[in-house]
Amino acid sequence: MHAFRSHTCADLTKADVGQTVRLSGWVHRIRDHGGVLFIDLRDHYGVTQLLCDPDSPVFSDVEKARSEWCIRIDGEVKARDASLVNPKLPTGEIEVFIRDLEVLGAAEELPLIVFGDQEYPEETRLRYRFLDLRREAMQRNMTLRSDVVSSIRKRMWAQDFREYQTPIITASSPEGARDFLVPSRLHPGKFYALPQAPQQFKQLIMVSGFDKYFQIAPCFRDEDPRADRSPTDFYQLDMEMSFVSQQDVFDTIQPVMQGVFEEFGGGRTVDAEWPQISYRDAALWYGTDKPDLRNPIKMQIVSDHFRGSGFAIFAKLLEQEGTEIRAIPAPKGGSRKFCDRMNAFAQKEGLPGMGYIFWRDGENGMEAAGPLAKNIGPERTEAIRQQLDLGVGDAAFFLGGKPASFESVAGRARVVIGNELGLTETDRFAFAWIVDFPMYEADEETGKVDFSHNPFSMPQGGMDALNDNPLDVLGYQYDLACNGYELISGAIRNHKPEIMFKAFELAGYGEDEVRKRFGGMVNAFRFGAPPHGGCAAGIDRMVMLLADTANIREVIMFPMNQRAEDLMMNAPSDATSDQLMELGLRVLPKED
């Protein structure tokens, strides 16, 4: 017999009754039923019930066993009494009578309990991650992640992609976040960087004549943490293709993503139609470039109904350049109590409030209620109702000013309204391509123009577009949103040096600086670069959605905490004096 097990803890069935078997695993739960001990033995595959009574030669040893001890047992498979069969377990028809026991690893008092659904502070869970990962939910999440990655690989290979690895130690690249720098021992005073993404390398792979590339790529960004983003590193499905248009990229990646979400979505439906929405429309309709289309609410501009109206706040606001009034329809939200609650929400978000109108049955039929309705009068109120297609029992909320000042709050309000009124569906995945991103944005205070998205994207219209107002230039850039999260970002690349130099010049980067920072890629583009494009899909975020959790740390094996610390491994840590001397570095004391 094998030294540790003849079967896993999920293998044994009624067909094995009478056999002598060997199992190894962890003591999941112990129960004492009048001198008969029952142990649920757990391994990665499942649970088997063990029993031991005073007739067993190792009864006294079994009595000493405690939760999470790692043990090996030999025993005889017995059929459970019909009344004690557990149909929820593959092994629920049998139990194993213990004849021999070996303690493979005893456990001290546990800082967190593996059995059950007890809640523990995240700091405790991360410090003892190896215990936290033993819990059933975490085992399920990590298995799901592994299966998703395997499925992605198979689907990419099926479309004639090949997987190539790119360097981990490389040069700094502007991907919109801070680099993790790595000091060079052989070149004192100089630094490598961990790649924020394999952006330049995958483009160079296309220049090298490889037609289709993909990689499950580790990426490193020194970012502030969020619930849906790791503060240090993450993995993405990185892909690139030559001789393609934007639509070609969409047509290639959609069946991969759709297939994965159908395979692992747990019965939730996946929308077959993936609309393409311009960045401008997404901001207007949803207040975000990663809209949740399960929520049917679309915001609209209603400025004309408030110009010269009796509601002085909005009327005066609209006299200023660049301002507008937007409405958030709220079907079924027509009660003063709900409207007051949403007004309080806006105040918590830092706005003075949120105007509202709601429609109800009155003595003479439908009537509009609320302070706004009284100020602007029945004709304007009715015009708003007709534009928004609302009726009795519905409401609308209003925000005004320059869109940049209220757009994000409006987007969050739309989400809250959809959730509270039960409008947002929860049993589907709704995808949308967000396209036509602006290439540039201007700093509100200084007016300085800089890239708003990926600087390596091809501008729509090529060189001709760059001769006009930079803020009007759109890029062949695109994101894929799903249920309120960005899952994919990509672009058709700028593969012509002269267009690249001009694009960077508009953002304040001279040709010499571009050659210095991106010399390898610029040099390669001089030697017959093909048109190419691609995208990257966030593995962690995909699995987070599939696992139906809002915290990305629930689907990462060993995540950092909110302060970018690894409590289990005690990182980051101080370097020794010898290490610093080898690298020619000195740590400055913190200023008081």
Foldseek 3Di string as FASTA:
>chain_A
DDPAWPDEQQPDEPVQAFDKIKYKAWFQDWDQDPQKIWTWGDDLPFTAIEIEHPVAPCSVVVVPADGGFIKMFIFGKHADDPVQADPVGSHRGIHTYTNDMDGPGHDDDDPDHQPDDDDDDVVSCLQVVVSVCSHPLLSVLQVLLVVLVVLLVVLCVVVVEDEDDDDQWAADDPAPADWDWAFDLVDFPDTTTGAQDCVLVQLVVLLVPRFKYWYQDKGFGCAQDDQLDFRTIFTWTWMKGFPDDLVVQVVSCVVSLQVSCVVLQVQFAEDPDAAEAAPVLCLQFQLDLFHAVLFPKGKDWLFVLPQVFQPVVSNVQVVDPQKTKIKIKQALQADPVSQVVLQVLVVVVPDNGKFKWHWAQDPVGIDIDGPVCVGGDDVSVVVVCVVRVYYHSIMMIMDMHRCVVCSNVRNVSSVVSCVVSVSRDDRHKHKYKHFFAQQWDADPPPRQIAGPGDLFFAWVVHPVLLVDDSRPITTQKIFMHINRDTFKTKHFGDLALVSSQSSVVSNPDHPVNCCVRVVVSSVSSVPDRGGMMHMIGGSLSSSCVSSVHSGSVSNDSNGADSVRASSNVGPPDDDDPVVCVSNVHDDDDDDD
